[in-house]
N, C-alpha and C. Protein backbone atom coordinates (compact mmCIF):
# COMPACT_ATOMS: atom_id res chain seq x y z
N ASP A 1 71.18 4.78 61.85
CA ASP A 1 72.16 3.94 61.02
C ASP A 1 71.28 2.91 60.82
N LEU A 2 70.50 2.18 60.86
CA LEU A 2 70.11 0.56 60.81
C LEU A 2 69.56 0.43 59.07
N TRP A 3 69.62 0.98 58.66
CA TRP A 3 69.10 0.71 56.82
C TRP A 3 70.51 1.20 56.63
N ARG A 4 71.16 2.03 56.42
CA ARG A 4 72.88 2.22 56.15
C ARG A 4 73.87 0.45 56.33
N ARG A 5 73.62 -0.08 57.61
CA ARG A 5 75.10 -1.20 57.68
C ARG A 5 74.08 -1.95 56.76
N ASN A 6 72.42 -1.94 56.91
CA ASN A 6 71.67 -2.91 55.98
C ASN A 6 71.99 -3.10 54.50
N ALA A 7 71.94 -1.42 54.02
CA ALA A 7 72.15 -1.77 53.18
C ALA A 7 73.14 -2.29 52.68
N ALA A 8 74.64 -1.75 53.40
CA ALA A 8 75.76 -1.90 53.36
C ALA A 8 76.04 -3.36 53.06
N HIS A 9 75.40 -4.08 54.04
CA HIS A 9 75.81 -5.34 54.45
C HIS A 9 75.67 -5.81 53.16
N SER A 10 74.04 -5.83 52.69
CA SER A 10 74.07 -7.04 51.62
C SER A 10 74.25 -6.14 49.99
N ASN A 11 74.36 -5.42 50.52
CA ASN A 11 75.61 -4.32 48.96
C ASN A 11 76.52 -4.85 49.14
N SER A 12 77.89 -5.67 50.08
CA SER A 12 79.27 -5.92 49.55
C SER A 12 78.88 -7.61 50.10
N LEU A 13 77.45 -8.23 50.26
CA LEU A 13 77.58 -9.67 50.15
C LEU A 13 77.15 -9.76 48.40
N ALA A 14 76.43 -8.55 48.30
CA ALA A 14 76.15 -8.74 45.96
C ALA A 14 77.52 -9.27 45.63
N LEU A 15 78.81 -7.96 45.57
CA LEU A 15 79.92 -8.19 45.41
C LEU A 15 80.28 -9.95 45.69
N LEU A 16 80.16 -10.21 46.63
CA LEU A 16 80.90 -11.19 47.19
C LEU A 16 80.80 -12.31 46.41
N LEU A 17 79.30 -12.41 45.81
CA LEU A 17 78.48 -13.50 45.38
C LEU A 17 78.72 -13.20 43.81
N SER A 18 79.15 -12.39 43.41
CA SER A 18 80.05 -11.57 42.27
C SER A 18 81.32 -11.99 41.35
N GLU A 19 81.94 -11.88 43.08
CA GLU A 19 83.43 -12.74 43.10
C GLU A 19 82.97 -14.18 42.46
N LYS A 20 82.77 -14.31 43.35
CA LYS A 20 82.73 -16.06 43.11
C LYS A 20 82.41 -16.47 42.03
N LEU A 21 81.23 -16.21 41.65
CA LEU A 21 79.92 -16.60 40.75
C LEU A 21 81.22 -16.41 38.61
N LYS A 22 81.91 -15.55 39.21
CA LYS A 22 83.20 -15.16 38.22
C LYS A 22 83.71 -16.19 38.58
N ASP A 23 83.96 -16.53 39.35
CA ASP A 23 85.11 -17.85 38.84
C ASP A 23 84.20 -19.33 38.13
N LEU A 24 83.08 -19.42 37.86
CA LEU A 24 82.66 -20.01 37.21
C LEU A 24 82.38 -19.68 35.74
N LYS A 25 83.16 -20.97 34.50
CA LYS A 25 83.52 -20.48 33.54
C LYS A 25 81.98 -20.13 32.49
N GLU A 26 80.96 -20.68 33.18
CA GLU A 26 79.10 -21.12 33.13
C GLU A 26 78.73 -20.38 33.16
N ILE A 27 78.98 -19.34 33.38
CA ILE A 27 77.92 -18.75 34.84
C ILE A 27 78.80 -17.13 33.96
N LYS A 28 77.82 -16.25 33.51
CA LYS A 28 78.61 -14.85 32.93
C LYS A 28 77.80 -13.70 33.06
N ILE A 29 78.18 -13.04 34.51
CA ILE A 29 77.79 -11.47 35.68
C ILE A 29 77.75 -10.30 33.66
N THR A 30 75.98 -9.46 34.09
CA THR A 30 75.62 -9.33 33.00
C THR A 30 75.94 -8.13 32.78
N GLN A 31 75.83 -7.24 34.42
CA GLN A 31 74.99 -5.60 34.54
C GLN A 31 76.78 -5.72 35.75
N PRO A 32 77.10 -4.63 36.07
CA PRO A 32 77.60 -4.37 37.25
C PRO A 32 76.91 -4.22 38.02
N VAL A 33 77.81 -4.80 39.26
CA VAL A 33 76.87 -4.81 40.23
C VAL A 33 77.78 -3.50 40.98
N GLN A 34 75.74 -3.10 41.58
CA GLN A 34 76.45 -1.77 42.03
C GLN A 34 75.38 -1.67 42.92
N ALA A 35 74.84 -2.72 43.46
CA ALA A 35 73.81 -2.03 44.94
C ALA A 35 73.87 -4.09 45.35
N ASN A 36 72.59 -5.00 45.78
CA ASN A 36 72.44 -5.35 45.84
C ASN A 36 72.40 -6.83 44.75
N GLY A 37 71.97 -6.98 44.13
CA GLY A 37 71.37 -7.26 43.08
C GLY A 37 72.49 -7.96 41.57
N VAL A 38 72.34 -9.25 41.74
CA VAL A 38 73.65 -9.74 40.98
C VAL A 38 72.82 -10.36 39.25
N PHE A 39 73.33 -10.01 38.13
CA PHE A 39 71.87 -10.16 37.16
C PHE A 39 73.53 -11.11 36.07
N ALA A 40 72.43 -12.33 36.01
CA ALA A 40 73.94 -13.76 35.63
C ALA A 40 73.67 -14.40 34.32
N ILE A 41 74.16 -14.67 33.90
CA ILE A 41 72.93 -16.03 32.28
C ILE A 41 73.55 -17.04 33.42
N ILE A 42 72.86 -17.94 33.83
CA ILE A 42 72.97 -19.27 33.83
C ILE A 42 71.94 -20.11 33.69
N PRO A 43 72.53 -21.99 32.71
CA PRO A 43 72.66 -22.71 32.12
C PRO A 43 71.15 -22.83 32.62
N LYS A 44 69.85 -22.75 31.85
CA LYS A 44 68.23 -22.96 33.08
C LYS A 44 67.89 -24.31 33.08
N VAL A 45 68.91 -25.48 32.77
CA VAL A 45 68.45 -26.46 33.56
C VAL A 45 68.79 -26.57 34.50
N VAL A 46 70.56 -25.89 35.48
CA VAL A 46 71.05 -25.38 36.42
C VAL A 46 69.72 -24.47 37.32
N ALA A 47 69.65 -23.72 36.62
CA ALA A 47 69.01 -22.76 37.33
C ALA A 47 67.96 -23.54 37.80
N GLU A 48 66.73 -24.09 37.09
CA GLU A 48 65.63 -24.65 37.34
C GLU A 48 66.00 -25.53 38.99
N LYS A 49 67.17 -26.26 38.47
CA LYS A 49 67.61 -27.30 39.62
C LYS A 49 67.89 -26.89 41.03
N VAL A 50 68.43 -25.49 40.80
CA VAL A 50 69.32 -24.46 42.02
C VAL A 50 67.76 -23.60 42.91
N SER A 51 67.06 -23.63 41.95
CA SER A 51 65.92 -22.68 42.79
C SER A 51 65.18 -23.44 43.48
N LYS A 52 65.34 -24.38 43.23
CA LYS A 52 64.45 -25.44 44.16
C LYS A 52 64.79 -25.18 45.94
N THR A 53 66.01 -24.35 46.06
CA THR A 53 66.64 -24.38 47.38
C THR A 53 66.41 -23.24 47.90
N TYR A 54 66.78 -22.34 46.60
CA TYR A 54 67.38 -20.98 46.66
C TYR A 54 65.80 -20.62 46.26
N PHE A 55 65.50 -19.10 46.34
CA PHE A 55 64.32 -17.49 45.29
C PHE A 55 65.09 -17.16 44.73
N PHE A 56 64.72 -17.91 43.64
CA PHE A 56 65.62 -16.02 42.50
C PHE A 56 64.64 -16.57 40.97
N TYR A 57 64.62 -15.82 40.45
CA TYR A 57 63.64 -15.94 38.67
C TYR A 57 64.59 -15.34 37.59
N PRO A 58 64.09 -15.45 36.42
CA PRO A 58 64.52 -14.62 35.50
C PRO A 58 63.98 -13.74 35.42
N TRP A 59 65.18 -13.19 34.91
CA TRP A 59 65.07 -11.66 34.30
C TRP A 59 64.30 -11.19 32.94
N ASN A 60 65.74 -12.44 32.05
CA ASN A 60 65.60 -12.35 31.55
C ASN A 60 65.11 -13.89 30.41
N GLU A 61 64.19 -14.67 30.34
CA GLU A 61 63.52 -16.05 29.80
C GLU A 61 64.96 -16.58 28.38
N LEU A 62 64.87 -14.83 27.56
CA LEU A 62 65.09 -15.60 25.56
C LEU A 62 66.57 -15.63 26.51
N THR A 63 67.51 -14.82 27.29
CA THR A 63 68.87 -15.13 27.68
C THR A 63 68.96 -16.30 28.82
N SER A 64 68.41 -16.81 29.29
CA SER A 64 68.08 -17.46 30.21
C SER A 64 68.88 -16.33 31.74
N GLU A 65 68.41 -15.18 32.24
CA GLU A 65 69.85 -14.54 32.66
C GLU A 65 68.54 -14.26 33.78
N TYR A 66 69.52 -14.35 35.28
CA TYR A 66 68.44 -14.28 35.96
C TYR A 66 69.04 -13.14 37.35
N ARG A 67 68.26 -12.76 38.07
CA ARG A 67 67.99 -11.98 39.10
C ARG A 67 68.61 -12.16 40.28
N LEU A 68 69.86 -12.80 41.05
CA LEU A 68 70.03 -12.50 42.16
C LEU A 68 69.68 -11.96 43.16
N MET A 69 69.28 -11.55 44.78
CA MET A 69 69.67 -10.37 44.81
C MET A 69 69.68 -11.53 46.66
N THR A 70 70.61 -10.69 47.39
CA THR A 70 71.18 -10.70 49.06
C THR A 70 70.39 -9.41 49.14
N SER A 71 70.47 -9.60 50.89
CA SER A 71 69.04 -8.33 51.81
C SER A 71 70.55 -8.59 52.66
N TRP A 72 69.71 -8.13 53.71
CA TRP A 72 70.40 -7.53 55.42
C TRP A 72 70.69 -8.64 55.35
N ASP A 73 69.83 -9.82 56.16
CA ASP A 73 69.90 -10.96 56.45
C ASP A 73 70.95 -12.39 56.33
N THR A 74 71.70 -12.51 54.81
CA THR A 74 72.15 -12.99 53.62
C THR A 74 73.55 -13.42 54.56
N THR A 75 74.62 -14.16 54.91
CA THR A 75 75.64 -14.62 55.16
C THR A 75 75.87 -14.74 54.41
N GLU A 76 77.30 -14.73 54.67
CA GLU A 76 78.47 -15.29 54.54
C GLU A 76 77.99 -16.81 53.68
N GLU A 77 77.96 -17.51 55.26
CA GLU A 77 77.60 -19.24 54.68
C GLU A 77 76.83 -19.39 52.98
N ASP A 78 75.19 -18.31 53.04
CA ASP A 78 74.70 -18.64 52.23
C ASP A 78 75.32 -18.85 50.92
N ILE A 79 75.67 -17.80 50.60
CA ILE A 79 77.06 -17.21 49.28
C ILE A 79 77.92 -18.97 49.00
N ASP A 80 78.02 -19.47 49.94
CA ASP A 80 78.85 -20.14 50.00
C ASP A 80 78.96 -21.29 49.72
N ASN A 81 77.02 -21.51 50.24
CA ASN A 81 76.20 -22.69 50.10
C ASN A 81 75.44 -22.52 48.74
N PHE A 82 74.69 -21.68 47.96
CA PHE A 82 75.01 -21.06 46.82
C PHE A 82 75.79 -21.63 46.05
N VAL A 83 76.90 -21.45 46.15
CA VAL A 83 77.97 -21.35 44.78
C VAL A 83 78.44 -23.13 45.19
N ALA A 84 78.18 -23.33 46.17
CA ALA A 84 78.64 -24.51 46.46
C ALA A 84 77.08 -25.47 45.91
N LEU A 85 76.28 -25.05 46.07
CA LEU A 85 75.26 -26.08 45.25
C LEU A 85 75.18 -25.89 43.40
N LEU A 86 75.41 -24.51 43.37
CA LEU A 86 75.74 -24.26 41.24
C LEU A 86 76.64 -25.08 41.16
N LYS A 87 78.12 -25.18 42.17
CA LYS A 87 78.83 -25.80 41.37
C LYS A 87 78.96 -27.83 41.18
N LYS A 88 77.83 -28.39 42.37
CA LYS A 88 77.29 -29.13 42.06
C LYS A 88 76.73 -29.34 40.47
N GLU A 89 75.66 -28.71 40.82
CA GLU A 89 74.94 -28.82 39.32
C GLU A 89 75.94 -28.87 38.60
N LEU A 90 76.53 -28.10 38.58
CA LEU A 90 77.36 -27.54 37.02
C LEU A 90 78.05 -28.75 37.22
N SER A 91 78.70 -29.83 37.73
CA SER A 91 78.89 -30.54 38.04
C SER A 91 80.36 -30.49 38.16
N TYR A 92 81.16 -29.78 39.11
CA TYR A 92 82.22 -29.12 39.38
C TYR A 92 83.41 -30.14 40.66
N SER A 93 82.30 -30.98 40.98
CA SER A 93 81.74 -31.81 42.41
C SER A 93 82.35 -33.20 41.79
């Protein structure tokens, strides 16, 4: 059942990520979170800065929509650090 535990873990962290992103008015979740991916519109200049530290890529460059993935080894701390960096780049701090 290792695969099931890993999938459940990554899926639950994607939900956590989406919940934290919903608090940021400049970020818009575009798709329901049904697995380990979060699709979000992020201001391009912010995404470019954050992507120097965290790997993700554009899903739709025309709308500035990005695909954010969690995995078996993603931690809550990873999510918190990613969101903190987004907030910094969005001038929340």
